[in-house]
Amino acid sequence: MADYRAEFMVEPFIEGSLGPPVLAAIDAVTEHGFEPQVGAFGTTITGDADTVIGALSDMLKAAMDAGATRVTVQVDQDPAS
């Protein structure tokens, strides 16, 4: 089965700083064993379908509970798998 690559962007974001909603989102996916790649406009995780989907579910709840006003998610099959 192919791996999934998910990228998410949490708003509001503060240029040059990770605010509480972004940190909550990163913590949520880290708890699923991911080492997220944090970029300027999004954070990426890659893994098997069930693990990625579970992590994204927890990430959405954590980010919104921490004050996110919007979370944008994009999921693709990882071409490297």
PDB file of N, CA and C in Angstrom:
ATOM      1  N   MET A   1       0.842  -1.184   0.000  1.00  0.00           N
ATOM      2  CA  MET A   1       0.000   0.000   0.000  1.00  0.00           C
ATOM      3  C   MET A   1       0.887   1.247   0.000  1.00  0.00           C
ATOM      4  N   ALA A   2       0.494   2.225  -0.764  1.00  0.00           N
ATOM      5  CA  ALA A   2       1.272   3.451  -0.871  1.00  0.00           C
ATOM      6  C   ALA A   2       1.159   4.286   0.399  1.00  0.00           C
ATOM      7  N   ASP A   3       2.227   4.983   0.691  1.00  0.00           N
ATOM      8  CA  ASP A   3       2.194   5.934   1.801  1.00  0.00           C
ATOM      9  C   ASP A   3       1.425   7.178   1.373  1.00  0.00           C
ATOM     10  N   TYR A   4       0.923   7.887   2.371  1.00  0.00           N
ATOM     11  CA  TYR A   4       0.270   9.173   2.144  1.00  0.00           C
ATOM     12  C   TYR A   4       1.213  10.278   2.584  1.00  0.00           C
ATOM     13  N   ARG A   5       1.161  11.369   1.872  1.00  0.00           N
ATOM     14  CA  ARG A   5       1.876  12.579   2.281  1.00  0.00           C
ATOM     15  C   ARG A   5       0.804  13.635   2.527  1.00  0.00           C
ATOM     16  N   ALA A   6       0.784  14.172   3.733  1.00  0.00           N
ATOM     17  CA  ALA A   6      -0.195  15.191   4.090  1.00  0.00           C
ATOM     18  C   ALA A   6       0.533  16.471   4.457  1.00  0.00           C
ATOM     19  N   GLU A   7       0.006  17.573   3.964  1.00  0.00           N
ATOM     20  CA  GLU A   7       0.526  18.883   4.322  1.00  0.00           C
ATOM     21  C   GLU A   7      -0.626  19.685   4.902  1.00  0.00           C
ATOM     22  N   PHE A   8      -0.370  20.342   6.022  1.00  0.00           N
ATOM     23  CA  PHE A   8      -1.410  21.169   6.618  1.00  0.00           C
ATOM     24  C   PHE A   8      -0.865  22.539   6.972  1.00  0.00           C
ATOM     25  N   MET A   9      -1.756  23.519   6.868  1.00  0.00           N
ATOM     26  CA  MET A   9      -1.429  24.891   7.233  1.00  0.00           C
ATOM     27  C   MET A   9      -2.477  25.356   8.238  1.00  0.00           C
ATOM     28  N   VAL A  10      -2.008  25.870   9.345  1.00  0.00           N
ATOM     29  CA  VAL A  10      -2.882  26.305  10.432  1.00  0.00           C
ATOM     30  C   VAL A  10      -2.858  27.828  10.488  1.00  0.00           C
ATOM     31  N   GLU A  11      -4.039  28.415  10.532  1.00  0.00           N
ATOM     32  CA  GLU A  11      -4.157  29.867  10.656  1.00  0.00           C
ATOM     33  C   GLU A  11      -4.889  30.202  11.945  1.00  0.00           C
ATOM     34  N   PRO A  12      -4.660  31.313  12.577  1.00  0.00           N
ATOM     35  CA  PRO A  12      -3.735  32.345  12.119  1.00  0.00           C
ATOM     36  C   PRO A  12      -2.290  31.937  12.387  1.00  0.00           C
ATOM     37  N   PHE A  13      -1.409  32.451  11.565  1.00  0.00           N
ATOM     38  CA  PHE A  13       0.008  32.250  11.809  1.00  0.00           C
ATOM     39  C   PHE A  13       0.670  33.609  11.909  1.00  0.00           C
ATOM     40  N   ILE A  14       1.731  33.623  12.662  1.00  0.00           N
ATOM     41  CA  ILE A  14       2.475  34.858  12.901  1.00  0.00           C
ATOM     42  C   ILE A  14       3.834  34.679  12.242  1.00  0.00           C
ATOM     43  N   GLU A  15       4.166  35.544  11.319  1.00  0.00           N
ATOM     44  CA  GLU A  15       5.435  35.425  10.611  1.00  0.00           C
ATOM     45  C   GLU A  15       6.602  35.395  11.588  1.00  0.00           C
ATOM     46  N   GLY A  16       7.432  34.381  11.449  1.00  0.00           N
ATOM     47  CA  GLY A  16       8.614  34.252  12.298  1.00  0.00           C
ATOM     48  C   GLY A  16       8.358  33.601  13.641  1.00  0.00           C
ATOM     49  N   SER A  17       7.108  33.155  13.894  1.00  0.00           N
ATOM     50  CA  SER A  17       6.786  32.562  15.190  1.00  0.00           C
ATOM     51  C   SER A  17       5.705  31.500  15.005  1.00  0.00           C
ATOM     52  N   LEU A  18       5.793  30.441  15.777  1.00  0.00           N
ATOM     53  CA  LEU A  18       4.739  29.432  15.776  1.00  0.00           C
ATOM     54  C   LEU A  18       3.806  29.721  16.944  1.00  0.00           C
ATOM     55  N   GLY A  19       2.578  30.058  16.644  1.00  0.00           N
ATOM     56  CA  GLY A  19       1.613  30.362  17.691  1.00  0.00           C
ATOM     57  C   GLY A  19       1.025  29.099  18.294  1.00  0.00           C
ATOM     58  N   PRO A  20       0.206  29.246  19.336  1.00  0.00           N
ATOM     59  CA  PRO A  20      -0.379  28.096  20.023  1.00  0.00           C
ATOM     60  C   PRO A  20      -1.145  27.130  19.115  1.00  0.00           C
ATOM     61  N   PRO A  21      -1.950  27.585  18.142  1.00  0.00           N
ATOM     62  CA  PRO A  21      -2.647  26.616  17.298  1.00  0.00           C
ATOM     63  C   PRO A  21      -1.690  25.769  16.446  1.00  0.00           C
ATOM     64  N   VAL A  22      -0.632  26.393  15.948  1.00  0.00           N
ATOM     65  CA  VAL A  22       0.348  25.665  15.135  1.00  0.00           C
ATOM     66  C   VAL A  22       1.100  24.659  16.007  1.00  0.00           C
ATOM     67  N   LEU A  23       1.512  25.086  17.174  1.00  0.00           N
ATOM     68  CA  LEU A  23       2.231  24.180  18.083  1.00  0.00           C
ATOM     69  C   LEU A  23       1.354  23.006  18.507  1.00  0.00           C
ATOM     70  N   ALA A  24       0.070  23.266  18.746  1.00  0.00           N
ATOM     71  CA  ALA A  24      -0.854  22.192  19.123  1.00  0.00           C
ATOM     72  C   ALA A  24      -0.990  21.186  17.986  1.00  0.00           C
ATOM     73  N   ALA A  25      -1.063  21.665  16.751  1.00  0.00           N
ATOM     74  CA  ALA A  25      -1.164  20.782  15.588  1.00  0.00           C
ATOM     75  C   ALA A  25       0.085  19.914  15.451  1.00  0.00           C
ATOM     76  N   ILE A  26       1.248  20.530  15.590  1.00  0.00           N
ATOM     77  CA  ILE A  26       2.511  19.797  15.490  1.00  0.00           C
ATOM     78  C   ILE A  26       2.611  18.757  16.604  1.00  0.00           C
ATOM     79  N   ASP A  27       2.251  19.141  17.816  1.00  0.00           N
ATOM     80  CA  ASP A  27       2.280  18.193  18.939  1.00  0.00           C
ATOM     81  C   ASP A  27       1.361  17.000  18.682  1.00  0.00           C
ATOM     82  N   ALA A  28       0.187  17.264  18.113  1.00  0.00           N
ATOM     83  CA  ALA A  28      -0.784  16.185  17.873  1.00  0.00           C
ATOM     84  C   ALA A  28      -0.237  15.147  16.899  1.00  0.00           C
ATOM     85  N   VAL A  29       0.406  15.580  15.818  1.00  0.00           N
ATOM     86  CA  VAL A  29       0.935  14.589  14.873  1.00  0.00           C
ATOM     87  C   VAL A  29       2.199  13.923  15.412  1.00  0.00           C
ATOM     88  N   THR A  30       2.947  14.645  16.235  1.00  0.00           N
ATOM     89  CA  THR A  30       4.143  14.069  16.856  1.00  0.00           C
ATOM     90  C   THR A  30       3.751  12.916  17.780  1.00  0.00           C
ATOM     91  N   GLU A  31       2.606  13.050  18.463  1.00  0.00           N
ATOM     92  CA  GLU A  31       2.123  11.991  19.345  1.00  0.00           C
ATOM     93  C   GLU A  31       1.792  10.706  18.586  1.00  0.00           C
ATOM     94  N   HIS A  32       1.635  10.800  17.281  1.00  0.00           N
ATOM     95  CA  HIS A  32       1.384   9.618  16.445  1.00  0.00           C
ATOM     96  C   HIS A  32       2.683   9.045  15.889  1.00  0.00           C
ATOM     97  N   GLY A  33       3.815   9.579  16.353  1.00  0.00           N
ATOM     98  CA  GLY A  33       5.110   9.051  15.940  1.00  0.00           C
ATOM     99  C   GLY A  33       5.738   9.745  14.751  1.00  0.00           C
ATOM    100  N   PHE A  34       5.120  10.800  14.267  1.00  0.00           N
ATOM    101  CA  PHE A  34       5.675  11.523  13.126  1.00  0.00           C
ATOM    102  C   PHE A  34       6.744  12.509  13.572  1.00  0.00           C
ATOM    103  N   GLU A  35       7.673  12.762  12.680  1.00  0.00           N
ATOM    104  CA  GLU A  35       8.637  13.856  12.825  1.00  0.00           C
ATOM    105  C   GLU A  35       8.280  14.850  11.730  1.00  0.00           C
ATOM    106  N   PRO A  36       7.326  15.748  12.023  1.00  0.00           N
ATOM    107  CA  PRO A  36       6.818  16.633  10.978  1.00  0.00           C
ATOM    108  C   PRO A  36       7.890  17.576  10.445  1.00  0.00           C
ATOM    109  N   GLN A  37       7.806  17.819   9.143  1.00  0.00           N
ATOM    110  CA  GLN A  37       8.692  18.774   8.483  1.00  0.00           C
ATOM    111  C   GLN A  37       7.955  20.112   8.460  1.00  0.00           C
ATOM    112  N   VAL A  38       8.426  21.054   9.267  1.00  0.00           N
ATOM    113  CA  VAL A  38       7.767  22.349   9.389  1.00  0.00           C
ATOM    114  C   VAL A  38       8.390  23.299   8.383  1.00  0.00           C
ATOM    115  N   GLY A  39       7.561  23.822   7.482  1.00  0.00           N
ATOM    116  CA  GLY A  39       8.011  24.766   6.473  1.00  0.00           C
ATOM    117  C   GLY A  39       7.418  26.138   6.720  1.00  0.00           C
ATOM    118  N   ALA A  40       7.726  27.044   5.834  1.00  0.00           N
ATOM    119  CA  ALA A  40       7.264  28.427   5.984  1.00  0.00           C
ATOM    120  C   ALA A  40       5.746  28.554   5.916  1.00  0.00           C
ATOM    121  N   PHE A  41       5.107  27.719   5.096  1.00  0.00           N
ATOM    122  CA  PHE A  41       3.660  27.851   4.920  1.00  0.00           C
ATOM    123  C   PHE A  41       2.901  26.558   5.150  1.00  0.00           C
ATOM    124  N   GLY A  42       3.556  25.558   5.715  1.00  0.00           N
ATOM    125  CA  GLY A  42       2.860  24.310   5.973  1.00  0.00           C
ATOM    126  C   GLY A  42       3.758  23.303   6.662  1.00  0.00           C
ATOM    127  N   THR A  43       3.127  22.276   7.169  1.00  0.00           N
ATOM    128  CA  THR A  43       3.820  21.197   7.864  1.00  0.00           C
ATOM    129  C   THR A  43       3.455  19.898   7.169  1.00  0.00           C
ATOM    130  N   THR A  44       4.453  19.036   6.948  1.00  0.00           N
ATOM    131  CA  THR A  44       4.253  17.813   6.181  1.00  0.00           C
ATOM    132  C   THR A  44       4.560  16.573   7.024  1.00  0.00           C
ATOM    133  N   ILE A  45       3.706  15.554   6.857  1.00  0.00           N
ATOM    134  CA  ILE A  45       3.945  14.239   7.447  1.00  0.00           C
ATOM    135  C   ILE A  45       3.747  13.194   6.345  1.00  0.00           C
ATOM    136  N   THR A  46       4.438  12.066   6.467  1.00  0.00           N
ATOM    137  CA  THR A  46       4.312  10.980   5.501  1.00  0.00           C
ATOM    138  C   THR A  46       4.242   9.660   6.250  1.00  0.00           C
ATOM    139  N   GLY A  47       3.313   8.808   5.849  1.00  0.00           N
ATOM    140  CA  GLY A  47       3.194   7.507   6.484  1.00  0.00           C
ATOM    141  C   GLY A  47       2.074   6.700   5.875  1.00  0.00           C
ATOM    142  N   ASP A  48       1.770   5.557   6.485  1.00  0.00           N
ATOM    143  CA  ASP A  48       0.702   4.723   5.956  1.00  0.00           C
ATOM    144  C   ASP A  48      -0.648   5.418   6.141  1.00  0.00           C
ATOM    145  N   ALA A  49      -1.594   5.025   5.320  1.00  0.00           N
ATOM    146  CA  ALA A  49      -2.889   5.701   5.260  1.00  0.00           C
ATOM    147  C   ALA A  49      -3.567   5.814   6.622  1.00  0.00           C
ATOM    148  N   ASP A  50      -3.672   4.713   7.357  1.00  0.00           N
ATOM    149  CA  ASP A  50      -4.397   4.733   8.628  1.00  0.00           C
ATOM    150  C   ASP A  50      -3.735   5.653   9.650  1.00  0.00           C
ATOM    151  N   THR A  51      -2.410   5.636   9.696  1.00  0.00           N
ATOM    152  CA  THR A  51      -1.705   6.473  10.666  1.00  0.00           C
ATOM    153  C   THR A  51      -1.820   7.949  10.308  1.00  0.00           C
ATOM    154  N   VAL A  52      -1.689   8.265   9.031  1.00  0.00           N
ATOM    155  CA  VAL A  52      -1.804   9.662   8.598  1.00  0.00           C
ATOM    156  C   VAL A  52      -3.209  10.180   8.877  1.00  0.00           C
ATOM    157  N   ILE A  53      -4.219   9.409   8.526  1.00  0.00           N
ATOM    158  CA  ILE A  53      -5.602   9.851   8.726  1.00  0.00           C
ATOM    159  C   ILE A  53      -5.912  10.037  10.211  1.00  0.00           C
ATOM    160  N   GLY A  54      -5.449   9.127  11.047  1.00  0.00           N
ATOM    161  CA  GLY A  54      -5.655   9.273  12.492  1.00  0.00           C
ATOM    162  C   GLY A  54      -4.957  10.499  13.049  1.00  0.00           C
ATOM    163  N   ALA A  55      -3.744  10.735  12.578  1.00  0.00           N
ATOM    164  CA  ALA A  55      -2.988  11.900  13.046  1.00  0.00           C
ATOM    165  C   ALA A  55      -3.669  13.190  12.600  1.00  0.00           C
ATOM    166  N   LEU A  56      -4.169  13.215  11.376  1.00  0.00           N
ATOM    167  CA  LEU A  56      -4.839  14.426  10.889  1.00  0.00           C
ATOM    168  C   LEU A  56      -6.110  14.714  11.675  1.00  0.00           C
ATOM    169  N   SER A  57      -6.834  13.687  12.035  1.00  0.00           N
ATOM    170  CA  SER A  57      -8.045  13.876  12.833  1.00  0.00           C
ATOM    171  C   SER A  57      -7.710  14.533  14.169  1.00  0.00           C
ATOM    172  N   ASP A  58      -6.702  13.998  14.847  1.00  0.00           N
ATOM    173  CA  ASP A  58      -6.298  14.569  16.136  1.00  0.00           C
ATOM    174  C   ASP A  58      -5.705  15.966  15.961  1.00  0.00           C
ATOM    175  N   MET A  59      -4.973  16.180  14.862  1.00  0.00           N
ATOM    176  CA  MET A  59      -4.378  17.486  14.591  1.00  0.00           C
ATOM    177  C   MET A  59      -5.460  18.545  14.420  1.00  0.00           C
ATOM    178  N   LEU A  60      -6.512  18.217  13.664  1.00  0.00           N
ATOM    179  CA  LEU A  60      -7.596  19.187  13.440  1.00  0.00           C
ATOM    180  C   LEU A  60      -8.249  19.596  14.758  1.00  0.00           C
ATOM    181  N   LYS A  61      -8.538  18.630  15.586  1.00  0.00           N
ATOM    182  CA  LYS A  61      -9.171  18.943  16.878  1.00  0.00           C
ATOM    183  C   LYS A  61      -8.248  19.765  17.751  1.00  0.00           C
ATOM    184  N   ALA A  62      -6.976  19.383  17.822  1.00  0.00           N
ATOM    185  CA  ALA A  62      -6.026  20.108  18.674  1.00  0.00           C
ATOM    186  C   ALA A  62      -5.837  21.544  18.201  1.00  0.00           C
ATOM    187  N   ALA A  63      -5.692  21.733  16.900  1.00  0.00           N
ATOM    188  CA  ALA A  63      -5.479  23.077  16.363  1.00  0.00           C
ATOM    189  C   ALA A  63      -6.696  23.967  16.619  1.00  0.00           C
ATOM    190  N   MET A  64      -7.884  23.452  16.348  1.00  0.00           N
ATOM    191  CA  MET A  64      -9.099  24.253  16.544  1.00  0.00           C
ATOM    192  C   MET A  64      -9.325  24.551  18.025  1.00  0.00           C
ATOM    193  N   ASP A  65      -9.076  23.572  18.875  1.00  0.00           N
ATOM    194  CA  ASP A  65      -9.224  23.796  20.316  1.00  0.00           C
ATOM    195  C   ASP A  65      -8.242  24.848  20.822  1.00  0.00           C
ATOM    196  N   ALA A  66      -7.093  24.982  20.144  1.00  0.00           N
ATOM    197  CA  ALA A  66      -6.071  25.956  20.560  1.00  0.00           C
ATOM    198  C   ALA A  66      -6.276  27.326  19.920  1.00  0.00           C
ATOM    199  N   GLY A  67      -7.350  27.494  19.157  1.00  0.00           N
ATOM    200  CA  GLY A  67      -7.657  28.817  18.625  1.00  0.00           C
ATOM    201  C   GLY A  67      -7.462  29.008  17.134  1.00  0.00           C
ATOM    202  N   ALA A  68      -7.234  27.931  16.397  1.00  0.00           N
ATOM    203  CA  ALA A  68      -7.100  28.072  14.949  1.00  0.00           C
ATOM    204  C   ALA A  68      -8.405  28.591  14.361  1.00  0.00           C
ATOM    205  N   THR A  69      -8.292  29.445  13.362  1.00  0.00           N
ATOM    206  CA  THR A  69      -9.464  29.945  12.653  1.00  0.00           C
ATOM    207  C   THR A  69      -9.677  29.202  11.346  1.00  0.00           C
ATOM    208  N   ARG A  70      -8.610  28.540  10.866  1.00  0.00           N
ATOM    209  CA  ARG A  70      -8.697  27.756   9.631  1.00  0.00           C
ATOM    210  C   ARG A  70      -7.548  26.757   9.603  1.00  0.00           C
ATOM    211  N   VAL A  71      -7.854  25.561   9.118  1.00  0.00           N
ATOM    212  CA  VAL A  71      -6.816  24.560   8.874  1.00  0.00           C
ATOM    213  C   VAL A  71      -7.035  24.046   7.457  1.00  0.00           C
ATOM    214  N   THR A  72      -6.000  24.160   6.648  1.00  0.00           N
ATOM    215  CA  THR A  72      -6.058  23.674   5.274  1.00  0.00           C
ATOM    216  C   THR A  72      -5.214  22.406   5.194  1.00  0.00           C
ATOM    217  N   VAL A  73      -5.800  21.346   4.612  1.00  0.00           N
ATOM    218  CA  VAL A  73      -5.120  20.057   4.538  1.00  0.00           C
ATOM    219  C   VAL A  73      -5.114  19.582   3.088  1.00  0.00           C
ATOM    220  N   GLN A  74      -3.953  19.072   2.677  1.00  0.00           N
ATOM    221  CA  GLN A  74      -3.823  18.450   1.358  1.00  0.00           C
ATOM    222  C   GLN A  74      -3.187  17.081   1.562  1.00  0.00           C
ATOM    223  N   VAL A  75      -3.790  16.054   0.967  1.00  0.00           N
ATOM    224  CA  VAL A  75      -3.272  14.694   1.113  1.00  0.00           C
ATOM    225  C   VAL A  75      -3.063  14.105  -0.286  1.00  0.00           C
ATOM    226  N   ASP A  76      -1.885  13.529  -0.489  1.00  0.00           N
ATOM    227  CA  ASP A  76      -1.539  12.878  -1.757  1.00  0.00           C
ATOM    228  C   ASP A  76      -0.926  11.528  -1.448  1.00  0.00           C
ATOM    229  N   GLN A  77      -0.939  10.641  -2.448  1.00  0.00           N
ATOM    230  CA  GLN A  77      -0.128   9.439  -2.315  1.00  0.00           C
ATOM    231  C   GLN A  77       1.310   9.867  -2.555  1.00  0.00           C
ATOM    232  N   ASP A  78       2.198   9.406  -1.691  1.00  0.00           N
ATOM    233  CA  ASP A  78       3.602   9.769  -1.781  1.00  0.00           C
ATOM    234  C   ASP A  78       4.221   9.062  -2.990  1.00  0.00           C
ATOM    235  N   PRO A  79       4.717   9.824  -3.962  1.00  0.00           N
ATOM    236  CA  PRO A  79       5.276   9.198  -5.155  1.00  0.00           C
ATOM    237  C   PRO A  79       6.550   8.400  -4.874  1.00  0.00           C
ATOM    238  N   ALA A  80       7.186   8.627  -3.736  1.00  0.00           N
ATOM    239  CA  ALA A  80       8.418   7.927  -3.398  1.00  0.00           C
ATOM    240  C   ALA A  80       8.148   6.530  -2.843  1.00  0.00           C
ATOM    241  N   SER A  81       6.878   6.224  -2.528  1.00  0.00           N
ATOM    242  CA  SER A  81       6.599   4.908  -1.916  1.00  0.00           C
ATOM    243  C   SER A  81       6.309   3.867  -2.960  1.00  0.00           C
TER     244      SER A  81
END
